Each structure stands twice: as C-alpha cells, then as structure tokens.
Amino acid sequence: MASRKGIGEVVGSVSMLAVTVALLSGAALVGAYSVRDAASMITASNLQKQRDSGVLVSVIATSSNSTGTFVWLYDFGWEGAPLESVFVNGNAISWSLCRELTVGGVCVVEVAPGSHGQLTIVAGDISIAASV
C-alpha cells in the first residue's frame, strides 16, 4: 500500500505543477499583450503629435564608423523643427551637423564614435527613435 500512496502523491504534485505552469504561462501571455498594446498606444500618440505639429520625420539610414555614428532623417511633413536634444540609451549627448529639420530636407545627425543603443532625437514636440 505504501507504494501506491507514494505514486498518488507524485501524480498529485506533477498535476499541480502542470496547472501552475499553465496559469503562469497564461499570465505571462496576457502581460506580453498588455505591454505590446501599451507600446502601440504610445507610438500612435507620438504619430498623432507628429501629424498635429506638421513635422513628419522618417529615419532613412543609420551608419557607424571610426569617425562617428550617423543618422539620416527626412522631414516629409509641412513644417520644420529645430533639433533640441539627442539621447543615447536615455543619456543626453552632444551631436553635430544638423540642428534643424527642414521641410523636404535630409538632416544628418552625427554622434560620437562608439555610440550604440537606442537613439532618441527630440525635435519640437516630437521624438524620433532609432537603433544605432
């Protein structure tokens, strides 16, 4: 009888483990969808700000070499905007070359060599994100 009792406890423990894993997987899935939805709402909000301001910017290229990291921006909107600040991984940095987005113009932002990660460029009321 002792062996049957041991088997029942093992089966019960494995069943509880399976239920726990299933519940945690479901919770993780719901959490992942919530984060994705929140990110898409933020993106939609930023796009609406761009439309409202008339500054519609697209990152058309990025490149890095020994002299710096370069981000090419194109403003296809109907308003220009001064570049106010540039951040790499959340840290404000200095940049050179372009200081203003002009309508129908290409703007090249150069940051220091070795700058890698998430780049955020603030122009007027909008922010432009790129990975470098």
C-alpha atoms as a PDB file:
ATOM      1  CA  MET A   1       0.000   0.000   0.000  1.00  0.00           C
ATOM      2  CA  ALA A   2       2.884   2.387   0.695  1.00  0.00           C
ATOM      3  CA  SER A   3       3.983   2.345  -2.944  1.00  0.00           C
ATOM      4  CA  ARG A   4       0.510   3.298  -4.207  1.00  0.00           C
ATOM      5  CA  LYS A   5       0.332   6.141  -1.748  1.00  0.00           C
ATOM      6  CA  GLY A   6       3.711   7.432  -2.985  1.00  0.00           C
ATOM      7  CA  ILE A   7       2.577   7.235  -6.623  1.00  0.00           C
ATOM      8  CA  GLY A   8      -0.562   9.213  -5.826  1.00  0.00           C
ATOM      9  CA  GLU A   9       1.463  11.968  -4.178  1.00  0.00           C
ATOM     10  CA  VAL A  10       3.815  12.166  -7.156  1.00  0.00           C
ATOM     11  CA  VAL A  11       0.902  12.302  -9.609  1.00  0.00           C
ATOM     12  CA  GLY A  12      -0.782  14.992  -7.492  1.00  0.00           C
ATOM     13  CA  SER A  13       2.424  17.051  -7.319  1.00  0.00           C
ATOM     14  CA  VAL A  14       3.022  16.777 -11.062  1.00  0.00           C
ATOM     15  CA  SER A  15      -0.600  17.752 -11.734  1.00  0.00           C
ATOM     16  CA  MET A  16      -0.301  20.819  -9.506  1.00  0.00           C
ATOM     17  CA  LEU A  17       2.962  21.744 -11.200  1.00  0.00           C
ATOM     18  CA  ALA A  18       1.313  21.458 -14.645  1.00  0.00           C
ATOM     19  CA  VAL A  19      -1.615  23.646 -13.535  1.00  0.00           C
ATOM     20  CA  THR A  20       0.760  26.239 -12.042  1.00  0.00           C
ATOM     21  CA  VAL A  21       2.886  26.362 -15.206  1.00  0.00           C
ATOM     22  CA  ALA A  22      -0.247  26.722 -17.353  1.00  0.00           C
ATOM     23  CA  LEU A  23      -1.572  29.581 -15.204  1.00  0.00           C
ATOM     24  CA  LEU A  24       1.773  31.385 -15.165  1.00  0.00           C
ATOM     25  CA  SER A  25       2.124  30.969 -18.935  1.00  0.00           C
ATOM     26  CA  GLY A  26      -1.332  32.454 -19.429  1.00  0.00           C
ATOM     27  CA  ALA A  27      -0.490  35.375 -17.137  1.00  0.00           C
ATOM     28  CA  ALA A  28       2.793  35.974 -18.997  1.00  0.00           C
ATOM     29  CA  LEU A  29       0.944  35.950 -22.322  1.00  0.00           C
ATOM     30  CA  VAL A  30      -1.615  38.474 -21.077  1.00  0.00           C
ATOM     31  CA  GLY A  31       1.219  40.630 -19.712  1.00  0.00           C
ATOM     32  CA  ALA A  32       3.097  40.497 -23.016  1.00  0.00           C
ATOM     33  CA  TYR A  33      -0.005  41.557 -24.947  1.00  0.00           C
ATOM     34  CA  SER A  34      -0.601  44.398 -22.471  1.00  0.00           C
ATOM     35  CA  VAL A  35       2.955  45.688 -22.942  1.00  0.00           C
ATOM     36  CA  ARG A  36       2.607  45.418 -26.737  1.00  0.00           C
ATOM     37  CA  ASP A  37      -0.705  47.281 -26.642  1.00  0.00           C
ATOM     38  CA  ALA A  38       0.747  49.996 -24.406  1.00  0.00           C
ATOM     39  CA  ALA A  39       3.721  50.400 -26.753  1.00  0.00           C
ATOM     40  CA  SER A  40       1.436  50.692 -29.772  1.00  0.00           C
ATOM     41  CA  MET A  41      -0.667  53.330 -27.956  1.00  0.00           C
ATOM     42  CA  ILE A  42       2.492  55.345 -27.219  1.00  0.00           C
ATOM     43  CA  THR A  43       3.589  55.008 -30.843  1.00  0.00           C
ATOM     44  CA  ALA A  44       0.137  56.073 -32.050  1.00  0.00           C
ATOM     45  CA  SER A  45       0.221  59.045 -29.680  1.00  0.00           C
ATOM     46  CA  ASN A  46       3.649  60.081 -30.989  1.00  0.00           C
ATOM     47  CA  LEU A  47       2.456  59.751 -34.599  1.00  0.00           C
ATOM     48  CA  GLN A  48      -0.583  61.907 -33.781  1.00  0.00           C
ATOM     49  CA  LYS A  49       1.721  64.545 -32.255  1.00  0.00           C
ATOM     50  CA  GLN A  50       3.768  64.480 -35.450  1.00  0.00           C
ATOM     51  CA  ARG A  51       0.660  64.905 -37.607  1.00  0.00           C
ATOM     52  CA  ASP A  52      -0.626  67.739 -35.409  1.00  0.00           C
ATOM     53  CA  SER A  53       2.718  69.559 -35.495  1.00  0.00           C
ATOM     54  CA  GLY A  54       3.235  69.061 -39.242  1.00  0.00           C
ATOM     55  CA  VAL A  55       6.673  67.553 -38.636  1.00  0.00           C
ATOM     56  CA  LEU A  56       6.647  64.075 -40.178  1.00  0.00           C
ATOM     57  CA  VAL A  57      10.086  62.513 -39.882  1.00  0.00           C
ATOM     58  CA  SER A  58      11.446  59.211 -41.061  1.00  0.00           C
ATOM     59  CA  VAL A  59      14.831  57.675 -40.273  1.00  0.00           C
ATOM     60  CA  ILE A  60      16.127  56.776 -43.721  1.00  0.00           C
ATOM     61  CA  ALA A  61      19.543  55.361 -42.774  1.00  0.00           C
ATOM     62  CA  THR A  62      21.985  54.809 -39.933  1.00  0.00           C
ATOM     63  CA  SER A  63      25.673  54.014 -40.055  1.00  0.00           C
ATOM     64  CA  SER A  64      28.670  53.842 -37.759  1.00  0.00           C
ATOM     65  CA  ASN A  65      32.375  54.040 -38.476  1.00  0.00           C
ATOM     66  CA  SER A  66      35.539  55.210 -36.732  1.00  0.00           C
ATOM     67  CA  THR A  67      34.614  58.894 -37.121  1.00  0.00           C
ATOM     68  CA  GLY A  68      31.107  58.701 -35.653  1.00  0.00           C
ATOM     69  CA  THR A  69      27.597  57.335 -35.726  1.00  0.00           C
ATOM     70  CA  PHE A  70      25.331  58.946 -38.330  1.00  0.00           C
ATOM     71  CA  VAL A  71      21.537  59.051 -38.569  1.00  0.00           C
ATOM     72  CA  TRP A  72      19.888  60.426 -41.716  1.00  0.00           C
ATOM     73  CA  LEU A  73      16.443  61.954 -41.171  1.00  0.00           C
ATOM     74  CA  TYR A  74      13.940  63.108 -43.791  1.00  0.00           C
ATOM     75  CA  ASP A  75      11.085  65.505 -42.967  1.00  0.00           C
ATOM     76  CA  PHE A  76       8.201  64.792 -45.333  1.00  0.00           C
ATOM     77  CA  GLY A  77       5.768  66.992 -43.415  1.00  0.00           C
ATOM     78  CA  TRP A  78       4.788  70.600 -43.959  1.00  0.00           C
ATOM     79  CA  GLU A  79       6.639  72.180 -41.007  1.00  0.00           C
ATOM     80  CA  GLY A  80      10.290  72.226 -39.984  1.00  0.00           C
ATOM     81  CA  ALA A  81      11.552  71.905 -36.429  1.00  0.00           C
ATOM     82  CA  PRO A  82      14.794  72.608 -34.557  1.00  0.00           C
ATOM     83  CA  LEU A  83      16.574  69.642 -33.026  1.00  0.00           C
ATOM     84  CA  GLU A  84      16.539  70.249 -29.296  1.00  0.00           C
ATOM     85  CA  SER A  85      18.355  67.260 -27.834  1.00  0.00           C
ATOM     86  CA  VAL A  86      19.764  63.837 -28.596  1.00  0.00           C
ATOM     87  CA  PHE A  87      19.859  60.895 -26.198  1.00  0.00           C
ATOM     88  CA  VAL A  88      21.625  57.531 -26.405  1.00  0.00           C
ATOM     89  CA  ASN A  89      20.162  54.936 -24.039  1.00  0.00           C
ATOM     90  CA  GLY A  90      18.446  57.741 -22.123  1.00  0.00           C
ATOM     91  CA  ASN A  91      21.600  59.815 -21.590  1.00  0.00           C
ATOM     92  CA  ALA A  92      21.792  63.291 -23.148  1.00  0.00           C
ATOM     93  CA  ILE A  93      24.732  63.633 -25.533  1.00  0.00           C
ATOM     94  CA  SER A  94      26.206  66.300 -27.769  1.00  0.00           C
ATOM     95  CA  TRP A  95      25.827  66.000 -31.530  1.00  0.00           C
ATOM     96  CA  SER A  96      26.985  67.806 -34.617  1.00  0.00           C
ATOM     97  CA  LEU A  97      25.967  68.543 -38.200  1.00  0.00           C
ATOM     98  CA  CYS A  98      22.204  69.009 -38.388  1.00  0.00           C
ATOM     99  CA  ARG A  99      20.496  71.407 -35.995  1.00  0.00           C
ATOM    100  CA  GLU A 100      17.132  71.783 -37.731  1.00  0.00           C
ATOM    101  CA  LEU A 101      14.725  69.677 -39.741  1.00  0.00           C
ATOM    102  CA  THR A 102      13.611  71.456 -42.892  1.00  0.00           C
ATOM    103  CA  VAL A 103      10.579  70.524 -44.970  1.00  0.00           C
ATOM    104  CA  GLY A 104      11.603  68.108 -47.704  1.00  0.00           C
ATOM    105  CA  GLY A 105      15.168  68.137 -46.459  1.00  0.00           C
ATOM    106  CA  VAL A 106      17.582  65.499 -45.258  1.00  0.00           C
ATOM    107  CA  CYS A 107      19.202  66.083 -41.897  1.00  0.00           C
ATOM    108  CA  VAL A 108      22.273  64.110 -40.792  1.00  0.00           C
ATOM    109  CA  VAL A 109      22.818  63.796 -37.047  1.00  0.00           C
ATOM    110  CA  GLU A 110      26.337  62.765 -36.048  1.00  0.00           C
ATOM    111  CA  VAL A 111      27.090  61.456 -32.567  1.00  0.00           C
ATOM    112  CA  ALA A 112      30.399  60.354 -31.088  1.00  0.00           C
ATOM    113  CA  PRO A 113      32.082  57.185 -32.337  1.00  0.00           C
ATOM    114  CA  GLY A 114      31.102  54.090 -30.404  1.00  0.00           C
ATOM    115  CA  SER A 115      27.622  55.386 -29.562  1.00  0.00           C
ATOM    116  CA  HIS A 116      25.438  52.305 -29.719  1.00  0.00           C
ATOM    117  CA  GLY A 117      21.965  51.521 -28.457  1.00  0.00           C
ATOM    118  CA  GLN A 118      18.631  53.334 -28.557  1.00  0.00           C
ATOM    119  CA  LEU A 119      18.944  56.833 -30.014  1.00  0.00           C
ATOM    120  CA  THR A 120      16.203  59.386 -29.317  1.00  0.00           C
ATOM    121  CA  ILE A 121      16.166  62.733 -31.105  1.00  0.00           C
ATOM    122  CA  VAL A 122      13.832  65.458 -29.789  1.00  0.00           C
ATOM    123  CA  ALA A 123      12.605  67.981 -32.344  1.00  0.00           C
ATOM    124  CA  GLY A 124       9.897  70.364 -31.229  1.00  0.00           C
ATOM    125  CA  ASP A 125       7.043  68.358 -29.698  1.00  0.00           C
ATOM    126  CA  ILE A 126       8.081  65.050 -31.249  1.00  0.00           C
ATOM    127  CA  SER A 127      10.698  62.428 -30.587  1.00  0.00           C
ATOM    128  CA  ILE A 128      12.348  60.247 -33.196  1.00  0.00           C
ATOM    129  CA  ALA A 129      13.740  56.857 -32.221  1.00  0.00           C
ATOM    130  CA  ALA A 130      16.404  54.807 -33.957  1.00  0.00           C
ATOM    131  CA  SER A 131      18.709  51.971 -33.031  1.00  0.00           C
ATOM    132  CA  VAL A 132      22.398  52.591 -33.633  1.00  0.00           C
END
